[in-house]
Every structure is written in C-alpha cells, then in structure tokens.
Amino acid sequence: MYRFLTILLVSCSLCAAASVKDLGAIGDGKTLDTVSIQKAIDQAHDSGGGVVTLPAGTYLVGTILLKDNVTLHLDEGAELLGTADLSQYKNVDPFKDGLGAEVGFAMLAAVDAKNVAIEGKGTINGNGKAVAAAKSFKGEGWGFRPFLVRIVRCDGARLSNVTLRDAGSWTTNLFQSKNVTLENVTINSHVAPHNDGVDIDSCEHVSLKNCDIESGDDAICLKSTSAAICRDISADNCRLKSNQGAIKLGTESYGGFEHVRISNCQIRDTRNGGIKVLCVDGGNLSDVVISDITMENVKTPIFVRLGARLKTFRDGDEKKPPGILKDVTIRNVKANAAADAQIMPPTGVFITGVPEHPIQNLTLEHVTINLAGGGTEKDANAVVDEKPETYPEINRFGKTLPAYGVFARHVDGLKLIDVTCNVAAADRRPALVCQDVQNLTQEAGTLGSPAVRK
C-alpha cells in the first residue's frame, strides 16, 4: 500500500465560516443561487479559509468554483442542483476526450487550488436528464454537457460522505491533481450518456475508499490525457455497478500509468468489462496490481489491451510511437460472468497486444470464472481481427473469440497460476488459446494445454 498525504481542514476562530443563506442564497430550487454561493466561497477564501455551509434546501446553480482552504459542507437535506440553462456553465480547462469531443465544462470545480474539500450528508445533483435534453447532440458533440465535479491541478482535495448524482456527463473528474481522497462517497449517475463515476486523469497520490458507485458509463476510470503520468493511485473496498466498465485503465493513455493498486472491490451487473487494463496512445503502463475482486453478472470479466491508436488530447502534444504495457498482476478474482455478453458465446479473459509490440509480464493468479458455455466447433475457429488503431473496446475485434476461458495474443511473459474457467453448458472451444505468446507459465488451474494459433 502507498502512503498518501492526509489533508486536514480545520476551522478555527481565525477562519471564515458562513451559511450561504447569510449571503443571499434562497434554496428554493427555482431561484439561481450561483452568485450568492460563490460570494460565500470567495469571502471564506479571502479571510484565509473556512467552511461554507449549505443548510437544508435546494440550491439551483451554474458553475461554482472552490478556492484555497475552503470546505463546502452540505447539511443533511441540502441539494446543490444544476440548472438546465447551459449558458450558466464555464469550461474551466478545455480538452478532448477519447472520442474527440471538446469537453471541460463543470458544475462544481476547483482549479489551481490547495486544500479544498466537499463534505456532508447532502447531495450534488447535476440534473443531467434536463441538461442533456437542453441541446441535441450527435457523436463527438456531447462536450457541452457539464461534468458534475472537476478538480484541476489542485494539491490537497477531499470528498467525503456526500452523494453525487445525475451528472450531465462525467460525475467526478480529477486532472493533474495530487493528494486527493474520496471516502464514503456515493455516486448514482446514469441519466445521460457518458455518465462515468470517477475519472482520474494524469494525477498523483489519489485514494478511493469505501465508495459506492453506480454509473451509466465507466465506474472507476484512470486516464492520462496529458504527458503527466497517472501514478500512485489506490482504490479499496468499493462497490461498483456500471453500464460499461467497472475498473478501467487507459481509454486515454498518452502519459501512461504506474504504481496502481485496486483491491477488495465488489462488481455487479456490469455490461462491458469488469477489469479493463488498456494502453493505446503511446504511454507506458507498469506496476499495476488488481486483487481480491468479486464479480456478479459481468460481461467479459477481464480485458487487457496494448494498442496503437496513438491519439493526443491536449493542444501542443505530439503523437507518440506505441507504448509498453508490462508488469500487471490480477489476482484473487471470483467472477460469475453474464450469459449475454458483448462477444458470444462469452469468454472469461481477453488479452491482446499488437504485432511486434507484445504485452510483457502479465500474471493472472487465483482466478475463477464461471461461464455459460455453448461454443461450437465453428466458434473454435473464429479469427480475431488485429485492428491496432481502433478504440480499445472488447467488441471491436469480431463477434466471437476462439477460447471460452482465456484468449491471449502478442504476449511475452504470461503467467497463469491457478486459473479456472467453468462452463455451465458444453463448449467446443478450447479453454486456452494462445497466438504469438512467448514464455508462458502455467500452474494448477483447469485451462489445460493451450491451443496454439498462428
């Protein structure tokens, strides 16, 4: 485990403390309270820091900016509600997402700040359904919708006990920030497309503890849209449900990832991958350990991909050559896979690098996956497309994989230690298929000898 800096925000007689109602906020859910709440935050900041309190009520707002040494405290029964008037939101740090959309608008944000916090038993509600309906969009044009919470280039940020819900797009976005803690946070956000839970982008020393996340898109998602490496990230004892991926590294992977530890998480009812470890934009990914994970009703429990999409996301960044994905360990996983998957019949583990750029030193240890089975001899001869430049998604390589347990391609140093894949119905595909796999080690488990494909 990594040692994370703990930031304690302590109010005292020298610090400003105020209720937003003292500054004119109404809290009736109809009157725009942005100016009053911002005034309370600014006054606390100008006085050296303090606590700004939202009493019970519904506060309609556009973009609110937190400042140095300010804690926003939401009392029980307090709701910060996003307006459907899109003109009230600011793009606090523009960039492009993995699909090319111009994004960065936010409802509650901190930019270049120190020691900020959001706490209490209240709710931050992005009003995402109304926001998404306020303006039509297609494909890459979704970027006008605001993130719910953005922490940009901050040192010391804490979110604790609050409920985040119904974001206009991503729920929580951390960018180039360090010493950030999310603890006992509840996220329920699946009312609009791109409703990610927590996106950690190019950050250092970030800790998630005891969080409950139900998201329309990826639940916990690590990104690196800048040259800064996303490093020293931990998540422990989180409960995850997603319409896309539950634990995901690397849809945007320009800067790379290192020293990541994710453990003791329960994943359920997830439609597009339980654990997804990806590196496709030229960054390097190394020293990742994901352990003690349970999954229930999850489509394709494990997906590992080194690709060569090679996108950039920030102005001035130049394209890189293909990166490196190495030294990844996934251990102590028990999964009941969904019978209806992205690729049919279902497969437990999908691993693929690209020609001349193998994944290096990947270990799967003490992994048990229960699957529906039902594969035919025709399925056993399925050809899996390479598509090195495609978006890194499970269903981009064809409709079927030729193995029911593990399909591995372009890997140098693959350890399968006590890996078991059970099928409820007979499956004519091999349990393990290897293509361009060097230095394979197998111990125990039920996969048997690999079927080798050229």
Protein backbone atom coordinates (compact mmCIF):
# COMPACT_ATOMS: atom_id res chain seq x y z
CA MET A 1 0.00 0.00 0.00
CA TYR A 2 1.07 3.52 -0.63
CA ARG A 3 1.31 6.31 1.89
CA PHE A 4 -0.95 9.18 0.98
CA LEU A 5 -0.73 12.65 2.40
CA THR A 6 -3.77 13.40 4.54
CA ILE A 7 -5.01 16.95 4.40
CA LEU A 8 -6.88 18.11 7.49
CA LEU A 9 -9.03 21.16 7.02
CA VAL A 10 -9.65 22.62 10.47
CA SER A 11 -11.88 25.61 11.05
CA CYS A 12 -10.87 27.98 13.84
CA SER A 13 -11.61 31.46 15.14
CA LEU A 14 -9.28 32.93 12.52
CA CYS A 15 -11.09 31.23 9.62
CA ALA A 16 -14.21 32.45 7.88
CA ALA A 17 -17.34 30.35 8.33
CA ALA A 18 -20.68 31.20 6.79
CA SER A 19 -24.01 29.85 5.71
CA VAL A 20 -24.78 30.58 2.08
CA LYS A 21 -28.16 31.91 3.23
CA ASP A 22 -26.36 34.71 5.06
CA LEU A 23 -25.07 35.81 1.64
CA GLY A 24 -28.48 35.79 0.00
CA ALA A 25 -28.96 32.21 -1.26
CA ILE A 26 -32.64 31.24 -1.38
CA GLY A 27 -32.54 27.45 -1.70
CA ASP A 28 -35.98 27.07 -3.25
CA GLY A 29 -34.86 25.06 -6.30
CA LYS A 30 -36.13 27.80 -8.64
CA THR A 31 -34.00 30.88 -7.93
CA LEU A 32 -30.46 30.82 -9.34
CA ASP A 33 -28.15 30.85 -6.31
CA THR A 34 -24.79 30.76 -8.11
CA VAL A 35 -23.76 34.32 -7.22
CA SER A 36 -24.59 34.03 -3.52
CA ILE A 37 -22.80 30.71 -3.07
CA GLN A 38 -19.76 31.94 -4.99
CA LYS A 39 -19.69 35.07 -2.80
CA ALA A 40 -19.65 32.93 0.34
CA ILE A 41 -16.76 30.84 -1.03
CA ASP A 42 -14.82 33.93 -2.09
CA GLN A 43 -15.24 35.60 1.30
CA ALA A 44 -14.07 32.47 3.12
CA HIS A 45 -11.03 32.28 0.84
CA ASP A 46 -10.22 35.99 1.31
CA SER A 47 -10.36 35.50 5.08
CA GLY A 48 -7.77 32.72 4.96
CA GLY A 49 -10.12 29.78 4.53
CA GLY A 50 -13.03 28.18 6.31
CA VAL A 51 -16.27 26.30 5.98
CA VAL A 52 -19.15 27.34 3.74
CA THR A 53 -22.35 25.61 4.77
CA LEU A 54 -25.43 24.77 2.71
CA PRO A 55 -28.38 24.28 5.09
CA ALA A 56 -31.26 22.06 4.03
CA GLY A 57 -32.81 23.27 0.79
CA THR A 58 -32.35 23.02 -2.96
CA TYR A 59 -29.85 25.47 -4.47
CA LEU A 60 -30.04 25.95 -8.23
CA VAL A 61 -26.63 26.82 -9.71
CA GLY A 62 -24.37 27.02 -12.73
CA THR A 63 -20.59 26.79 -12.35
CA ILE A 64 -19.29 27.17 -8.78
CA LEU A 65 -15.52 27.48 -8.17
CA LEU A 66 -13.94 26.35 -4.90
CA LYS A 67 -10.92 28.29 -3.64
CA ASP A 68 -7.86 27.60 -1.43
CA ASN A 69 -8.55 26.28 2.07
CA VAL A 70 -12.33 26.28 1.66
CA THR A 71 -14.59 23.40 2.66
CA LEU A 72 -18.07 23.22 1.15
CA HIS A 73 -20.27 21.47 3.70
CA LEU A 74 -23.71 20.20 2.67
CA ASP A 75 -26.03 19.60 5.60
CA GLU A 76 -28.40 16.66 5.50
CA GLY A 77 -31.28 17.68 3.25
CA ALA A 78 -29.17 20.14 1.27
CA GLU A 79 -29.06 19.70 -2.50
CA LEU A 80 -26.89 21.57 -4.99
CA LEU A 81 -28.88 21.32 -8.24
CA GLY A 82 -27.51 22.05 -11.71
CA THR A 83 -29.50 24.40 -13.91
CA ALA A 84 -30.68 23.27 -17.33
CA ASP A 85 -29.57 26.69 -18.69
CA LEU A 86 -26.30 25.75 -20.42
CA SER A 87 -25.15 29.38 -20.58
CA GLN A 88 -24.55 29.24 -16.82
CA TYR A 89 -21.64 26.76 -17.13
CA LYS A 90 -17.96 27.53 -17.75
CA ASN A 91 -15.34 25.36 -19.45
CA VAL A 92 -12.69 25.51 -16.74
CA ASP A 93 -9.97 23.58 -18.61
CA PRO A 94 -10.76 22.51 -22.21
CA PHE A 95 -9.54 19.22 -23.65
CA LYS A 96 -10.65 16.39 -25.94
CA ASP A 97 -11.93 13.06 -24.72
CA GLY A 98 -11.10 9.68 -26.25
CA LEU A 99 -13.82 10.08 -28.87
CA GLY A 100 -12.67 13.58 -29.87
CA ALA A 101 -15.35 15.63 -28.08
CA GLU A 102 -14.40 19.11 -26.80
CA VAL A 103 -15.09 18.88 -23.05
CA GLY A 104 -14.30 20.58 -19.74
CA PHE A 105 -17.48 22.34 -18.61
CA ALA A 106 -18.27 21.77 -14.94
CA MET A 107 -20.89 22.46 -12.29
CA LEU A 108 -18.62 22.40 -9.20
CA ALA A 109 -14.90 22.85 -9.79
CA ALA A 110 -11.57 23.75 -8.22
CA VAL A 111 -8.74 24.95 -10.47
CA ASP A 112 -5.13 25.51 -9.32
CA ALA A 113 -6.28 25.42 -5.69
CA LYS A 114 -4.93 23.97 -2.44
CA ASN A 115 -6.68 22.18 0.38
CA VAL A 116 -10.27 22.14 -0.83
CA ALA A 117 -12.99 19.84 0.42
CA ILE A 118 -16.58 18.83 -0.26
CA GLU A 119 -18.26 17.08 2.65
CA GLY A 120 -21.50 16.41 4.46
CA LYS A 121 -24.63 14.31 4.09
CA GLY A 122 -26.17 16.39 1.32
CA THR A 123 -26.42 15.78 -2.42
CA ILE A 124 -24.87 17.32 -5.51
CA ASN A 125 -27.33 16.75 -8.35
CA GLY A 126 -26.31 17.56 -11.92
CA ASN A 127 -29.89 17.47 -13.24
CA GLY A 128 -28.35 15.52 -16.11
CA LYS A 129 -31.52 14.41 -17.83
CA ALA A 130 -32.70 18.01 -18.23
CA VAL A 131 -29.21 19.20 -19.18
CA ALA A 132 -28.87 16.57 -21.90
CA ALA A 133 -32.32 17.43 -23.25
CA ALA A 134 -31.49 21.15 -23.40
CA LYS A 135 -29.44 20.74 -26.57
CA SER A 136 -29.32 17.98 -29.14
CA PHE A 137 -26.00 16.30 -29.86
CA LYS A 138 -24.53 13.60 -32.01
CA GLY A 139 -21.29 11.63 -31.66
CA GLU A 140 -18.46 13.97 -30.68
CA GLY A 141 -20.82 16.87 -29.97
CA TRP A 142 -21.65 15.82 -26.41
CA GLY A 143 -18.99 18.04 -24.83
CA PHE A 144 -21.32 20.94 -23.96
CA ARG A 145 -22.72 18.91 -21.07
CA PRO A 146 -21.02 19.81 -17.76
CA PHE A 147 -19.11 17.42 -15.52
CA LEU A 148 -20.55 17.35 -12.01
CA VAL A 149 -17.30 17.81 -10.02
CA ARG A 150 -13.90 18.77 -11.50
CA ILE A 151 -10.63 19.03 -9.57
CA VAL A 152 -7.97 20.55 -11.86
CA ARG A 153 -4.28 20.98 -10.94
CA CYS A 154 -5.07 21.01 -7.22
CA ASP A 155 -2.90 19.94 -4.28
CA GLY A 156 -4.95 18.50 -1.46
CA ALA A 157 -8.60 17.77 -2.15
CA ARG A 158 -11.10 15.72 -0.17
CA LEU A 159 -14.60 14.47 -0.93
CA SER A 160 -16.28 12.67 1.93
CA ASN A 161 -19.74 11.30 2.72
CA VAL A 162 -21.57 13.29 0.03
CA THR A 163 -23.89 11.85 -2.61
CA LEU A 164 -23.20 12.71 -6.25
CA ARG A 165 -25.97 12.01 -8.72
CA ASP A 166 -27.38 12.56 -12.20
CA ALA A 167 -24.39 14.25 -13.81
CA GLY A 168 -24.70 15.96 -17.18
CA SER A 169 -21.69 13.92 -18.33
CA TRP A 170 -18.81 12.61 -16.16
CA THR A 171 -19.59 12.65 -12.44
CA THR A 172 -16.14 13.26 -10.95
CA ASN A 173 -13.09 14.31 -12.96
CA LEU A 174 -9.64 14.76 -11.39
CA PHE A 175 -6.91 16.22 -13.63
CA GLN A 176 -3.21 16.75 -12.84
CA SER A 177 -4.03 16.88 -9.14
CA LYS A 178 -2.25 15.28 -6.21
CA ASN A 179 -3.07 14.20 -2.68
CA VAL A 180 -6.75 13.62 -3.33
CA THR A 181 -9.06 11.44 -1.22
CA LEU A 182 -12.59 10.23 -1.93
CA GLU A 183 -14.03 8.42 1.08
CA ASN A 184 -17.54 7.16 1.75
CA VAL A 185 -18.80 8.87 -1.40
CA THR A 186 -21.98 7.61 -3.04
CA ILE A 187 -22.36 8.05 -6.81
CA ASN A 188 -25.61 7.29 -8.60
CA SER A 189 -25.39 8.66 -12.11
CA HIS A 190 -26.97 7.04 -15.15
CA VAL A 191 -29.37 9.56 -16.68
CA ALA A 192 -27.29 10.76 -19.64
CA PRO A 193 -24.62 9.33 -21.96
CA HIS A 194 -21.01 9.39 -20.71
CA ASN A 195 -22.05 9.20 -17.04
CA ASP A 196 -18.66 8.00 -15.75
CA GLY A 197 -18.31 7.63 -11.98
CA VAL A 198 -14.75 8.71 -11.09
CA ASP A 199 -12.22 9.69 -13.78
CA ILE A 200 -8.64 10.07 -12.51
CA ASP A 201 -6.56 11.78 -15.20
CA SER A 202 -2.79 12.40 -15.01
CA CYS A 203 -2.90 12.55 -11.18
CA GLU A 204 -0.61 11.52 -8.31
CA HIS A 205 -1.46 10.12 -4.89
CA VAL A 206 -5.18 9.55 -5.21
CA SER A 207 -7.09 7.30 -2.81
CA LEU A 208 -10.66 5.98 -3.09
CA LYS A 209 -12.04 4.26 0.00
CA ASN A 210 -15.43 2.78 0.78
CA CYS A 211 -17.22 4.33 -2.19
CA ASP A 212 -20.48 3.12 -3.75
CA ILE A 213 -20.61 3.83 -7.48
CA GLU A 214 -23.49 3.12 -9.86
CA SER A 215 -22.73 4.72 -13.20
CA GLY A 216 -24.09 4.74 -16.72
CA ASP A 217 -20.54 4.66 -18.08
CA ASP A 218 -17.22 3.50 -16.55
CA ALA A 219 -17.26 3.38 -12.74
CA ILE A 220 -13.58 3.89 -11.81
CA CYS A 221 -11.59 5.05 -14.83
CA LEU A 222 -7.93 6.04 -14.95
CA LYS A 223 -6.86 8.27 -17.83
CA SER A 224 -3.79 10.21 -18.96
CA THR A 225 -4.82 12.85 -21.47
CA SER A 226 -1.62 14.83 -20.83
CA ALA A 227 2.08 13.97 -20.72
CA ALA A 228 1.93 13.62 -16.92
CA ILE A 229 1.95 10.02 -15.69
CA CYS A 230 -1.05 8.88 -13.65
CA ARG A 231 0.71 7.31 -10.66
CA ASP A 232 0.28 6.15 -7.08
CA ILE A 233 -3.44 5.51 -7.33
CA SER A 234 -5.37 3.25 -4.94
CA ALA A 235 -8.96 2.12 -4.58
CA ASP A 236 -10.11 -0.11 -1.75
CA ASN A 237 -13.42 -1.57 -0.63
CA CYS A 238 -15.58 -0.03 -3.33
CA ARG A 239 -18.86 -1.35 -4.67
CA LEU A 240 -19.28 -0.88 -8.40
CA LYS A 241 -22.09 -1.19 -10.92
CA SER A 242 -21.79 0.11 -14.47
CA ASN A 243 -23.40 0.04 -17.88
CA GLN A 244 -19.83 -0.01 -19.28
CA GLY A 245 -16.61 -0.95 -17.43
CA ALA A 246 -16.23 -1.25 -13.66
CA ILE A 247 -12.44 -0.86 -13.24
CA LYS A 248 -10.76 0.66 -16.28
CA LEU A 249 -7.29 1.99 -17.05
CA GLY A 250 -6.33 3.66 -20.26
CA THR A 251 -9.01 4.58 -22.77
CA GLU A 252 -6.97 7.81 -22.91
CA SER A 253 -3.37 6.79 -22.29
CA TYR A 254 -0.96 9.44 -23.60
CA GLY A 255 1.08 9.93 -20.41
CA GLY A 256 0.80 6.41 -19.04
CA PHE A 257 0.26 4.79 -15.64
CA GLU A 258 2.38 3.37 -12.85
CA HIS A 259 2.01 2.17 -9.25
CA VAL A 260 -1.72 1.40 -9.24
CA ARG A 261 -3.35 -0.70 -6.53
CA ILE A 262 -7.02 -1.66 -6.62
CA SER A 263 -8.35 -4.15 -4.08
CA ASN A 264 -11.35 -5.54 -2.21
CA CYS A 265 -13.96 -4.36 -4.69
CA GLN A 266 -17.35 -5.91 -5.43
CA ILE A 267 -18.59 -5.57 -9.02
CA ARG A 268 -22.11 -6.39 -10.15
CA ASP A 269 -24.40 -6.03 -13.17
CA THR A 270 -21.72 -4.53 -15.42
CA ARG A 271 -22.31 -4.64 -19.16
CA ASN A 272 -18.92 -4.03 -20.78
CA GLY A 273 -16.00 -5.43 -18.81
CA GLY A 274 -15.18 -5.95 -15.14
CA ILE A 275 -11.41 -5.27 -15.17
CA LYS A 276 -10.04 -3.46 -18.24
CA VAL A 277 -6.31 -2.65 -18.43
CA LEU A 278 -5.57 -0.70 -21.61
CA CYS A 279 -2.70 1.33 -23.07
CA VAL A 280 -3.19 2.58 -26.64
CA ASP A 281 -1.89 6.16 -27.06
CA GLY A 282 1.86 5.80 -26.62
CA GLY A 283 2.16 5.98 -22.85
CA ASN A 284 3.69 3.22 -20.74
CA LEU A 285 1.68 1.23 -18.21
CA SER A 286 3.51 -0.66 -15.46
CA ASP A 287 3.32 -1.88 -11.87
CA VAL A 288 -0.42 -2.45 -11.64
CA VAL A 289 -1.92 -4.86 -9.10
CA ILE A 290 -5.65 -5.56 -9.01
CA SER A 291 -6.64 -8.01 -6.31
CA ASP A 292 -9.46 -9.51 -4.26
CA ILE A 293 -12.27 -8.75 -6.66
CA THR A 294 -15.69 -10.40 -6.86
CA MET A 295 -17.98 -10.06 -9.88
CA GLU A 296 -21.61 -10.98 -10.40
CA ASN A 297 -23.38 -10.78 -13.77
CA VAL A 298 -20.45 -9.12 -15.56
CA LYS A 299 -19.81 -9.28 -19.29
CA THR A 300 -16.20 -10.32 -20.13
CA PRO A 301 -14.62 -10.16 -16.66
CA ILE A 302 -11.02 -9.36 -17.76
CA PHE A 303 -9.74 -7.45 -20.81
CA VAL A 304 -6.08 -6.43 -21.30
CA ARG A 305 -5.09 -4.45 -24.40
CA LEU A 306 -1.90 -2.84 -25.69
CA GLY A 307 -2.79 -0.96 -28.88
CA ALA A 308 -1.58 1.71 -31.27
CA ARG A 309 -4.43 4.19 -31.64
CA LEU A 310 -1.91 6.96 -30.76
CA LYS A 311 -4.25 9.89 -30.13
CA THR A 312 -3.43 13.22 -28.48
CA PHE A 313 -5.83 15.15 -26.28
CA ARG A 314 -4.14 18.44 -25.33
CA ASP A 315 -3.03 21.27 -27.59
CA GLY A 316 0.67 21.08 -28.44
CA ASP A 317 1.13 17.38 -27.70
CA GLU A 318 2.76 15.34 -30.46
CA LYS A 319 1.88 11.77 -31.36
CA LYS A 320 3.99 9.06 -29.77
CA PRO A 321 5.04 5.63 -31.01
CA PRO A 322 3.34 2.61 -29.43
CA GLY A 323 3.96 2.35 -25.70
CA ILE A 324 4.63 -0.51 -23.29
CA LEU A 325 2.23 -2.47 -21.10
CA LYS A 326 4.11 -4.56 -18.56
CA ASP A 327 4.22 -5.89 -15.00
CA VAL A 328 0.49 -6.26 -14.39
CA THR A 329 -0.88 -8.70 -11.81
CA ILE A 330 -4.55 -9.63 -11.44
CA ARG A 331 -5.11 -11.98 -8.51
CA ASN A 332 -7.79 -13.40 -6.28
CA VAL A 333 -10.72 -12.88 -8.61
CA LYS A 334 -14.03 -14.74 -8.44
CA ALA A 335 -16.47 -13.96 -11.23
CA ASN A 336 -19.87 -15.15 -12.38
CA ALA A 337 -19.92 -13.94 -15.97
CA ALA A 338 -23.11 -12.77 -17.67
CA ALA A 339 -24.62 -15.27 -20.09
CA ASP A 340 -25.32 -12.48 -22.60
CA ALA A 341 -22.00 -10.79 -23.45
CA GLN A 342 -20.53 -8.34 -26.00
CA ILE A 343 -18.93 -11.31 -27.76
CA MET A 344 -20.87 -14.56 -27.99
CA PRO A 345 -20.55 -17.16 -26.68
CA PRO A 346 -18.98 -15.48 -23.63
CA THR A 347 -15.25 -15.62 -22.91
CA GLY A 348 -13.69 -15.02 -19.49
CA VAL A 349 -10.39 -13.33 -20.34
CA PHE A 350 -9.36 -11.44 -23.50
CA ILE A 351 -5.69 -10.42 -23.79
CA THR A 352 -4.17 -8.83 -26.89
CA GLY A 353 -1.18 -6.72 -27.80
CA VAL A 354 -0.25 -5.84 -31.37
CA PRO A 355 2.32 -7.43 -33.70
CA GLU A 356 5.87 -6.51 -32.65
CA HIS A 357 4.54 -4.82 -29.51
CA PRO A 358 3.70 -7.60 -27.03
CA ILE A 359 2.29 -7.19 -23.57
CA GLN A 360 5.08 -8.01 -21.11
CA ASN A 361 4.96 -9.89 -17.82
CA LEU A 362 1.25 -10.32 -17.21
CA THR A 363 0.18 -12.52 -14.30
CA LEU A 364 -3.26 -13.94 -13.59
CA GLU A 365 -3.27 -15.71 -10.24
CA HIS A 366 -6.06 -17.48 -8.32
CA VAL A 367 -8.76 -16.53 -10.80
CA THR A 368 -12.05 -18.45 -11.06
CA ILE A 369 -14.63 -17.52 -13.69
CA ASN A 370 -17.97 -19.25 -14.21
CA LEU A 371 -19.34 -19.00 -17.76
CA ALA A 372 -22.41 -20.03 -19.71
CA GLY A 373 -20.53 -22.10 -22.33
CA GLY A 374 -22.24 -23.15 -25.54
CA GLY A 375 -19.41 -22.60 -28.03
CA THR A 376 -19.39 -24.61 -31.25
CA GLU A 377 -16.60 -26.00 -33.42
CA LYS A 378 -17.16 -23.08 -35.77
CA ASP A 379 -16.62 -20.70 -32.84
CA ALA A 380 -13.39 -22.51 -32.04
CA ASN A 381 -12.03 -21.46 -35.45
CA ALA A 382 -13.02 -17.79 -35.14
CA VAL A 383 -10.49 -15.28 -36.49
CA VAL A 384 -9.81 -12.32 -34.18
CA ASP A 385 -9.07 -9.07 -36.00
CA GLU A 386 -5.92 -7.12 -35.07
CA LYS A 387 -7.18 -3.54 -35.52
CA PRO A 388 -4.21 -1.86 -33.79
CA GLU A 389 -5.59 1.65 -34.35
CA THR A 390 -9.15 1.02 -33.14
CA TYR A 391 -10.78 2.34 -29.98
CA PRO A 392 -9.88 -0.19 -27.24
CA GLU A 393 -13.15 -1.98 -26.74
CA ILE A 394 -13.93 -5.67 -26.42
CA ASN A 395 -16.36 -5.84 -29.32
CA ARG A 396 -14.05 -4.19 -31.88
CA PHE A 397 -12.21 -7.39 -32.85
CA GLY A 398 -15.02 -9.62 -34.08
CA LYS A 399 -18.13 -11.32 -32.78
CA THR A 400 -16.51 -14.39 -31.23
CA LEU A 401 -13.29 -15.46 -29.51
CA PRO A 402 -11.94 -18.97 -30.15
CA ALA A 403 -11.46 -19.77 -26.44
CA TYR A 404 -14.05 -19.90 -23.69
CA GLY A 405 -11.57 -19.31 -20.86
CA VAL A 406 -8.55 -17.25 -21.94
CA PHE A 407 -7.64 -15.92 -25.38
CA ALA A 408 -4.11 -14.46 -25.33
CA ARG A 409 -2.28 -12.87 -28.26
CA HIS A 410 1.04 -11.00 -28.59
CA VAL A 411 2.31 -11.54 -25.05
CA ASP A 412 5.86 -12.09 -23.78
CA GLY A 413 5.78 -13.46 -20.26
CA LEU A 414 2.31 -14.76 -19.39
CA LYS A 415 1.77 -16.47 -16.04
CA LEU A 416 -1.47 -18.34 -15.43
CA ILE A 417 -1.39 -19.52 -11.83
CA ASP A 418 -4.45 -21.40 -10.58
CA VAL A 419 -6.75 -20.05 -13.28
CA THR A 420 -10.05 -21.94 -13.54
CA CYS A 421 -12.84 -21.35 -16.03
CA ASN A 422 -16.01 -23.39 -15.59
CA VAL A 423 -18.83 -23.70 -18.15
CA ALA A 424 -22.47 -24.46 -17.38
CA ALA A 425 -23.05 -25.99 -20.81
CA ALA A 426 -20.68 -27.89 -23.09
CA ASP A 427 -18.32 -25.64 -25.05
CA ARG A 428 -16.41 -26.97 -28.07
CA ARG A 429 -13.83 -24.19 -27.89
CA PRO A 430 -10.55 -24.79 -26.02
CA ALA A 431 -10.24 -23.31 -22.54
CA LEU A 432 -6.98 -21.56 -23.54
CA VAL A 433 -5.89 -20.28 -26.95
CA CYS A 434 -2.52 -18.62 -27.44
CA GLN A 435 -1.34 -16.73 -30.51
CA ASP A 436 2.20 -15.28 -30.56
CA VAL A 437 2.67 -15.91 -26.83
CA GLN A 438 6.22 -16.34 -25.56
CA ASN A 439 7.35 -17.54 -22.14
CA LEU A 440 4.06 -18.99 -20.97
CA THR A 441 3.94 -20.36 -17.41
CA GLN A 442 1.00 -22.42 -16.14
CA GLU A 443 0.46 -23.84 -12.68
CA ALA A 444 -2.62 -25.63 -11.36
CA GLY A 445 -6.00 -24.42 -12.64
CA THR A 446 -8.19 -26.13 -15.23
CA LEU A 447 -7.20 -24.47 -18.51
CA GLY A 448 -5.07 -27.37 -19.69
CA SER A 449 -2.56 -27.17 -22.52
CA PRO A 450 -3.01 -24.18 -24.83
CA ALA A 451 -4.26 -24.46 -28.34
CA VAL A 452 -1.64 -22.55 -30.32
CA ARG A 453 -2.75 -20.47 -33.31
CA LYS A 454 -0.53 -18.80 -35.86
